[in-house]
Amino acid sequence: SLKALINRQHNLFEGFSIRYFGPIDGHDVGDLVKK
């Protein structure tokens, strides 16, 4: 709820109580490894 307030947008997946991360660049292999 706090995140939706900050972003002014509700996240569908977090509505299912699932932690959501992203979106990130799927072609940056180094960053993918880190995340």
All heavy atoms as atom14 arrays in JSON, in Angstrom:
{
  "sequence": "SLKALINRQHNLFEGFSIRYFGPIDGHDVGDLVKK",
  "atom14_mask": [
    [1, 1, 1, 1, 1, 1, 0, 0, 0, 0, 0, 0, 0, 0],
    [1, 1, 1, 1, 1, 1, 1, 1, 0, 0, 0, 0, 0, 0],
    [1, 1, 1, 1, 1, 1, 1, 1, 1, 0, 0, 0, 0, 0],
    [1, 1, 1, 1, 1, 0, 0, 0, 0, 0, 0, 0, 0, 0],
    [1, 1, 1, 1, 1, 1, 1, 1, 0, 0, 0, 0, 0, 0],
    [1, 1, 1, 1, 1, 1, 1, 1, 0, 0, 0, 0, 0, 0],
    [1, 1, 1, 1, 1, 1, 1, 1, 0, 0, 0, 0, 0, 0],
    [1, 1, 1, 1, 1, 1, 1, 1, 1, 1, 1, 0, 0, 0],
    [1, 1, 1, 1, 1, 1, 1, 1, 1, 0, 0, 0, 0, 0],
    [1, 1, 1, 1, 1, 1, 1, 1, 1, 1, 0, 0, 0, 0],
    [1, 1, 1, 1, 1, 1, 1, 1, 0, 0, 0, 0, 0, 0],
    [1, 1, 1, 1, 1, 1, 1, 1, 0, 0, 0, 0, 0, 0],
    [1, 1, 1, 1, 1, 1, 1, 1, 1, 1, 1, 0, 0, 0],
    [1, 1, 1, 1, 1, 1, 1, 1, 1, 0, 0, 0, 0, 0],
    [1, 1, 1, 1, 0, 0, 0, 0, 0, 0, 0, 0, 0, 0],
    [1, 1, 1, 1, 1, 1, 1, 1, 1, 1, 1, 0, 0, 0],
    [1, 1, 1, 1, 1, 1, 0, 0, 0, 0, 0, 0, 0, 0],
    [1, 1, 1, 1, 1, 1, 1, 1, 0, 0, 0, 0, 0, 0],
    [1, 1, 1, 1, 1, 1, 1, 1, 1, 1, 1, 0, 0, 0],
    [1, 1, 1, 1, 1, 1, 1, 1, 1, 1, 1, 1, 0, 0],
    [1, 1, 1, 1, 1, 1, 1, 1, 1, 1, 1, 0, 0, 0],
    [1, 1, 1, 1, 0, 0, 0, 0, 0, 0, 0, 0, 0, 0],
    [1, 1, 1, 1, 1, 1, 1, 0, 0, 0, 0, 0, 0, 0],
    [1, 1, 1, 1, 1, 1, 1, 1, 0, 0, 0, 0, 0, 0],
    [1, 1, 1, 1, 1, 1, 1, 1, 0, 0, 0, 0, 0, 0],
    [1, 1, 1, 1, 0, 0, 0, 0, 0, 0, 0, 0, 0, 0],
    [1, 1, 1, 1, 1, 1, 1, 1, 1, 1, 0, 0, 0, 0],
    [1, 1, 1, 1, 1, 1, 1, 1, 0, 0, 0, 0, 0, 0],
    [1, 1, 1, 1, 1, 1, 1, 0, 0, 0, 0, 0, 0, 0],
    [1, 1, 1, 1, 0, 0, 0, 0, 0, 0, 0, 0, 0, 0],
    [1, 1, 1, 1, 1, 1, 1, 1, 0, 0, 0, 0, 0, 0],
    [1, 1, 1, 1, 1, 1, 1, 1, 0, 0, 0, 0, 0, 0],
    [1, 1, 1, 1, 1, 1, 1, 0, 0, 0, 0, 0, 0, 0],
    [1, 1, 1, 1, 1, 1, 1, 1, 1, 0, 0, 0, 0, 0],
    [1, 1, 1, 1, 1, 1, 1, 1, 1, 0, 0, 0, 0, 0]
  ],
  "atom14_positions": [
    [[0.84, -1.2, 0.0], [0.0, 0.0, 0.0], [0.87, 1.25, 0.0], [0.59, 2.23, -0.7], [-0.92, -0.01, 1.22], [-1.79, -1.12, 1.17], [0.0, 0.0, 0.0], [0.0, 0.0, 0.0], [0.0, 0.0, 0.0], [0.0, 0.0, 0.0], [0.0, 0.0, 0.0], [0.0, 0.0, 0.0], [0.0, 0.0, 0.0], [0.0, 0.0, 0.0]],
    [[1.94, 1.22, 0.81], [2.85, 2.36, 0.85], [3.5, 2.57, -0.51], [3.62, 3.69, -1.0], [3.92, 2.11, 1.92], [5.0, 3.19, 2.08], [4.35, 4.52, 2.45], [6.03, 2.77, 3.12], [0.0, 0.0, 0.0], [0.0, 0.0, 0.0], [0.0, 0.0, 0.0], [0.0, 0.0, 0.0], [0.0, 0.0, 0.0], [0.0, 0.0, 0.0]],
    [[3.92, 1.47, -1.13], [4.57, 1.58, -2.44], [3.61, 2.13, -3.49], [3.97, 2.95, -4.33], [5.09, 0.2, -2.86], [5.96, 0.21, -4.1], [6.52, -1.19, -4.28], [7.45, -1.25, -5.47], [7.99, -2.6, -5.65], [0.0, 0.0, 0.0], [0.0, 0.0, 0.0], [0.0, 0.0, 0.0], [0.0, 0.0, 0.0], [0.0, 0.0, 0.0]],
    [[2.36, 1.65, -3.46], [1.37, 2.16, -4.41], [1.15, 3.65, -4.21], [0.95, 4.4, -5.18], [0.06, 1.39, -4.23], [0.0, 0.0, 0.0], [0.0, 0.0, 0.0], [0.0, 0.0, 0.0], [0.0, 0.0, 0.0], [0.0, 0.0, 0.0], [0.0, 0.0, 0.0], [0.0, 0.0, 0.0], [0.0, 0.0, 0.0], [0.0, 0.0, 0.0]],
    [[1.18, 4.1, -2.94], [1.01, 5.52, -2.67], [2.17, 6.32, -3.24], [1.97, 7.36, -3.88], [0.91, 5.74, -1.15], [0.74, 7.18, -0.68], [-0.59, 7.74, -1.17], [0.83, 7.25, 0.84], [0.0, 0.0, 0.0], [0.0, 0.0, 0.0], [0.0, 0.0, 0.0], [0.0, 0.0, 0.0], [0.0, 0.0, 0.0], [0.0, 0.0, 0.0]],
    [[3.39, 5.84, -3.05], [4.57, 6.54, -3.56], [4.57, 6.58, -5.08], [4.84, 7.61, -5.7], [5.85, 5.88, -3.03], [5.96, 6.06, -1.51], [7.09, 6.43, -3.73], [7.09, 5.27, -0.88], [0.0, 0.0, 0.0], [0.0, 0.0, 0.0], [0.0, 0.0, 0.0], [0.0, 0.0, 0.0], [0.0, 0.0, 0.0], [0.0, 0.0, 0.0]],
    [[4.28, 5.44, -5.7], [4.35, 5.35, -7.16], [3.08, 5.83, -7.85], [3.04, 5.94, -9.07], [4.6, 3.89, -7.59], [5.99, 3.43, -7.29], [6.92, 4.23, -7.28], [6.15, 2.14, -7.01], [0.0, 0.0, 0.0], [0.0, 0.0, 0.0], [0.0, 0.0, 0.0], [0.0, 0.0, 0.0], [0.0, 0.0, 0.0], [0.0, 0.0, 0.0]],
    [[2.02, 6.06, -7.05], [0.72, 6.44, -7.6], [0.21, 5.38, -8.58], [-0.4, 5.69, -9.6], [0.78, 7.81, -8.29], [1.16, 8.93, -7.33], [1.17, 10.27, -8.03], [1.57, 11.32, -7.12], [1.68, 12.61, -7.46], [1.41, 12.98, -8.69], [2.05, 13.5, -6.58], [0.0, 0.0, 0.0], [0.0, 0.0, 0.0], [0.0, 0.0, 0.0]],
    [[0.53, 4.14, -8.28], [0.08, 3.05, -9.16], [0.03, 1.76, -8.35], [0.97, 1.44, -7.61], [1.04, 2.85, -10.34], [0.59, 1.75, -11.3], [1.45, 1.71, -12.52], [2.6, 2.1, -12.49], [0.91, 1.24, -13.62], [0.0, 0.0, 0.0], [0.0, 0.0, 0.0], [0.0, 0.0, 0.0], [0.0, 0.0, 0.0], [0.0, 0.0, 0.0]],
    [[-1.05, 1.04, -8.45], [-1.17, -0.25, -7.77], [-0.52, -1.33, -8.63], [-0.63, -1.33, -9.84], [-2.64, -0.6, -7.54], [-2.83, -1.91, -6.85], [-2.43, -2.13, -5.55], [-3.38, -3.06, -7.29], [-2.71, -3.38, -5.22], [-3.29, -3.96, -6.25], [0.0, 0.0, 0.0], [0.0, 0.0, 0.0], [0.0, 0.0, 0.0], [0.0, 0.0, 0.0]],
    [[0.16, -2.25, -7.95], [0.86, -3.32, -8.66], [0.04, -4.6, -8.58], [-0.23, -5.11, -7.48], [2.24, -3.53, -8.02], [3.08, -4.55, -8.76], [2.67, -5.69, -8.87], [4.22, -4.12, -9.26], [0.0, 0.0, 0.0], [0.0, 0.0, 0.0], [0.0, 0.0, 0.0], [0.0, 0.0, 0.0], [0.0, 0.0, 0.0], [0.0, 0.0, 0.0]],
    [[-0.35, -5.13, -9.71], [-1.21, -6.31, -9.76], [-0.63, -7.47, -8.98], [-1.31, -8.12, -8.19], [-1.44, -6.71, -11.22], [-2.16, -8.04, -11.45], [-3.59, -7.94, -10.99], [-2.09, -8.43, -12.92], [0.0, 0.0, 0.0], [0.0, 0.0, 0.0], [0.0, 0.0, 0.0], [0.0, 0.0, 0.0], [0.0, 0.0, 0.0], [0.0, 0.0, 0.0]],
    [[0.66, -7.75, -9.18], [1.26, -8.92, -8.56], [1.36, -8.77, -7.05], [1.15, -9.72, -6.3], [2.64, -9.18, -9.17], [2.58, -9.39, -10.66], [3.05, -8.42, -11.53], [2.02, -10.53, -11.18], [2.98, -8.61, -12.89], [1.94, -10.73, -12.55], [2.42, -9.76, -13.42], [0.0, 0.0, 0.0], [0.0, 0.0, 0.0], [0.0, 0.0, 0.0]],
    [[1.68, -7.58, -6.59], [1.73, -7.38, -5.15], [0.33, -7.41, -4.55], [0.16, -7.63, -3.35], [2.46, -6.09, -4.83], [3.94, -6.19, -5.2], [4.77, -5.04, -4.67], [4.3, -3.9, -4.72], [5.89, -5.31, -4.23], [0.0, 0.0, 0.0], [0.0, 0.0, 0.0], [0.0, 0.0, 0.0], [0.0, 0.0, 0.0], [0.0, 0.0, 0.0]],
    [[-0.69, -7.21, -5.39], [-2.06, -7.43, -4.93], [-2.31, -8.88, -4.56], [-3.21, -9.2, -3.8], [0.0, 0.0, 0.0], [0.0, 0.0, 0.0], [0.0, 0.0, 0.0], [0.0, 0.0, 0.0], [0.0, 0.0, 0.0], [0.0, 0.0, 0.0], [0.0, 0.0, 0.0], [0.0, 0.0, 0.0], [0.0, 0.0, 0.0], [0.0, 0.0, 0.0]],
    [[-1.49, -9.79, -5.11], [-1.54, -11.2, -4.75], [-0.61, -11.52, -3.57], [-0.39, -12.68, -3.26], [-1.1, -12.07, -5.94], [-2.15, -12.25, -6.99], [-2.09, -11.53, -8.18], [-3.19, -13.15, -6.83], [-3.04, -11.71, -9.18], [-4.14, -13.34, -7.81], [-4.07, -12.61, -8.99], [0.0, 0.0, 0.0], [0.0, 0.0, 0.0], [0.0, 0.0, 0.0]],
    [[-0.04, -10.51, -2.93], [0.93, -10.69, -1.85], [2.19, -11.39, -2.35], [2.76, -12.24, -1.66], [0.32, -11.47, -0.67], [-0.75, -10.75, -0.11], [0.0, 0.0, 0.0], [0.0, 0.0, 0.0], [0.0, 0.0, 0.0], [0.0, 0.0, 0.0], [0.0, 0.0, 0.0], [0.0, 0.0, 0.0], [0.0, 0.0, 0.0], [0.0, 0.0, 0.0]],
    [[2.61, -11.05, -3.54], [3.85, -11.57, -4.12], [4.82, -10.4, -4.28], [4.47, -9.36, -4.86], [3.57, -12.25, -5.48], [2.77, -13.54, -5.25], [4.86, -12.54, -6.22], [2.37, -14.25, -6.52], [0.0, 0.0, 0.0], [0.0, 0.0, 0.0], [0.0, 0.0, 0.0], [0.0, 0.0, 0.0], [0.0, 0.0, 0.0], [0.0, 0.0, 0.0]],
    [[6.03, -10.54, -3.74], [7.03, -9.48, -3.86], [7.36, -9.24, -5.32], [7.67, -10.18, -6.07], [8.3, -9.88, -3.11], [8.16, -9.97, -1.6], [8.09, -8.6, -0.96], [9.28, -7.81, -1.24], [10.41, -7.9, -0.54], [10.5, -8.74, 0.46], [11.43, -7.12, -0.84], [0.0, 0.0, 0.0], [0.0, 0.0, 0.0], [0.0, 0.0, 0.0]],
    [[7.34, -8.0, -5.73], [7.57, -7.63, -7.13], [8.85, -6.81, -7.25], [9.07, -5.88, -6.48], [6.37, -6.82, -7.66], [6.61, -6.23, -9.03], [6.31, -6.95, -10.18], [7.15, -4.95, -9.17], [6.54, -6.4, -11.44], [7.38, -4.4, -10.42], [7.08, -5.14, -11.55], [7.32, -4.61, -12.78], [0.0, 0.0, 0.0], [0.0, 0.0, 0.0]],
    [[9.69, -7.17, -8.25], [10.91, -6.43, -8.53], [10.98, -6.14, -10.03], [10.83, -7.05, -10.85], [12.14, -7.24, -8.11], [12.15, -7.62, -6.66], [11.57, -8.81, -6.25], [12.71, -6.79, -5.71], [11.55, -9.16, -4.91], [12.71, -7.13, -4.37], [12.13, -8.31, -3.97], [0.0, 0.0, 0.0], [0.0, 0.0, 0.0], [0.0, 0.0, 0.0]],
    [[11.23, -4.89, -10.37], [11.39, -4.57, -11.77], [10.52, -3.4, -12.18], [9.94, -2.72, -11.34], [0.0, 0.0, 0.0], [0.0, 0.0, 0.0], [0.0, 0.0, 0.0], [0.0, 0.0, 0.0], [0.0, 0.0, 0.0], [0.0, 0.0, 0.0], [0.0, 0.0, 0.0], [0.0, 0.0, 0.0], [0.0, 0.0, 0.0], [0.0, 0.0, 0.0]],
    [[10.42, -3.18, -13.49], [11.08, -3.97, -14.54], [12.55, -3.59, -14.7], [12.93, -2.45, -14.45], [10.29, -3.61, -15.8], [9.77, -2.25, -15.53], [9.54, -2.15, -14.05], [0.0, 0.0, 0.0], [0.0, 0.0, 0.0], [0.0, 0.0, 0.0], [0.0, 0.0, 0.0], [0.0, 0.0, 0.0], [0.0, 0.0, 0.0], [0.0, 0.0, 0.0]],
    [[13.39, -4.56, -15.11], [14.79, -4.31, -15.34], [15.16, -4.76, -16.75], [14.41, -5.51, -17.39], [15.68, -5.01, -14.3], [15.59, -6.54, -14.44], [15.32, -4.57, -12.89], [16.59, -7.28, -13.58], [0.0, 0.0, 0.0], [0.0, 0.0, 0.0], [0.0, 0.0, 0.0], [0.0, 0.0, 0.0], [0.0, 0.0, 0.0], [0.0, 0.0, 0.0]],
    [[16.31, -4.33, -17.2], [16.8, -4.66, -18.54], [17.19, -6.13, -18.6], [18.14, -6.56, -17.95], [18.01, -3.78, -18.88], [18.55, -4.01, -20.28], [18.01, -4.88, -21.0], [19.54, -3.34, -20.66], [0.0, 0.0, 0.0], [0.0, 0.0, 0.0], [0.0, 0.0, 0.0], [0.0, 0.0, 0.0], [0.0, 0.0, 0.0], [0.0, 0.0, 0.0]],
    [[16.46, -6.89, -19.38], [16.73, -8.33, -19.5], [17.89, -8.67, -20.4], [18.18, -9.86, -20.59], [0.0, 0.0, 0.0], [0.0, 0.0, 0.0], [0.0, 0.0, 0.0], [0.0, 0.0, 0.0], [0.0, 0.0, 0.0], [0.0, 0.0, 0.0], [0.0, 0.0, 0.0], [0.0, 0.0, 0.0], [0.0, 0.0, 0.0], [0.0, 0.0, 0.0]],
    [[18.57, -7.67, -20.95], [19.74, -7.93, -21.79], [21.04, -7.46, -21.14], [22.09, -7.5, -21.76], [19.56, -7.29, -23.17], [18.41, -7.88, -23.95], [18.33, -9.22, -24.26], [17.28, -7.31, -24.43], [17.21, -9.45, -24.92], [16.55, -8.31, -25.04], [0.0, 0.0, 0.0], [0.0, 0.0, 0.0], [0.0, 0.0, 0.0], [0.0, 0.0, 0.0]],
    [[20.97, -7.04, -19.9], [22.16, -6.7, -19.12], [22.47, -7.89, -18.22], [21.95, -7.99, -17.1], [21.91, -5.43, -18.3], [23.15, -4.95, -17.56], [24.06, -5.76, -17.31], [23.2, -3.75, -17.21], [0.0, 0.0, 0.0], [0.0, 0.0, 0.0], [0.0, 0.0, 0.0], [0.0, 0.0, 0.0], [0.0, 0.0, 0.0], [0.0, 0.0, 0.0]],
    [[23.3, -8.8, -18.7], [23.51, -10.06, -17.99], [24.15, -9.82, -16.63], [23.84, -10.53, -15.65], [24.34, -11.04, -18.85], [25.77, -10.55, -19.06], [24.34, -12.43, -18.23], [0.0, 0.0, 0.0], [0.0, 0.0, 0.0], [0.0, 0.0, 0.0], [0.0, 0.0, 0.0], [0.0, 0.0, 0.0], [0.0, 0.0, 0.0], [0.0, 0.0, 0.0]],
    [[25.04, -8.84, -16.5], [25.66, -8.55, -15.21], [24.64, -8.1, -14.19], [24.67, -8.54, -13.02], [0.0, 0.0, 0.0], [0.0, 0.0, 0.0], [0.0, 0.0, 0.0], [0.0, 0.0, 0.0], [0.0, 0.0, 0.0], [0.0, 0.0, 0.0], [0.0, 0.0, 0.0], [0.0, 0.0, 0.0], [0.0, 0.0, 0.0], [0.0, 0.0, 0.0]],
    [[23.75, -7.22, -14.61], [22.73, -6.74, -13.68], [21.74, -7.85, -13.34], [21.27, -7.94, -12.2], [21.99, -5.55, -14.3], [21.09, -4.84, -13.3], [21.56, -4.57, -12.18], [19.92, -4.6, -13.62], [0.0, 0.0, 0.0], [0.0, 0.0, 0.0], [0.0, 0.0, 0.0], [0.0, 0.0, 0.0], [0.0, 0.0, 0.0], [0.0, 0.0, 0.0]],
    [[21.42, -8.7, -14.31], [20.55, -9.83, -14.03], [21.15, -10.74, -12.96], [20.46, -11.2, -12.04], [20.29, -10.63, -15.3], [19.21, -10.13, -16.25], [19.21, -10.94, -17.53], [17.84, -10.21, -15.59], [0.0, 0.0, 0.0], [0.0, 0.0, 0.0], [0.0, 0.0, 0.0], [0.0, 0.0, 0.0], [0.0, 0.0, 0.0], [0.0, 0.0, 0.0]],
    [[22.45, -11.03, -13.1], [23.13, -11.87, -12.11], [23.04, -11.22, -10.73], [22.75, -11.9, -9.73], [24.6, -12.1, -12.51], [25.39, -12.69, -11.36], [24.67, -13.02, -13.73], [0.0, 0.0, 0.0], [0.0, 0.0, 0.0], [0.0, 0.0, 0.0], [0.0, 0.0, 0.0], [0.0, 0.0, 0.0], [0.0, 0.0, 0.0], [0.0, 0.0, 0.0]],
    [[23.26, -9.91, -10.67], [23.21, -9.21, -9.38], [21.8, -9.26, -8.79], [21.62, -9.57, -7.6], [23.65, -7.76, -9.54], [23.66, -6.98, -8.24], [24.1, -5.54, -8.45], [24.19, -4.8, -7.12], [22.93, -4.86, -6.35], [0.0, 0.0, 0.0], [0.0, 0.0, 0.0], [0.0, 0.0, 0.0], [0.0, 0.0, 0.0], [0.0, 0.0, 0.0]],
    [[20.8, -8.95, -9.59], [19.43, -8.9, -9.08], [18.97, -10.3, -8.65], [18.33, -10.45, -7.6], [18.48, -8.36, -10.15], [18.69, -6.89, -10.49], [18.36, -5.99, -9.32], [18.29, -4.52, -9.72], [19.52, -4.0, -10.29], [0.0, 0.0, 0.0], [0.0, 0.0, 0.0], [0.0, 0.0, 0.0], [0.0, 0.0, 0.0], [0.0, 0.0, 0.0]]
  ]
}
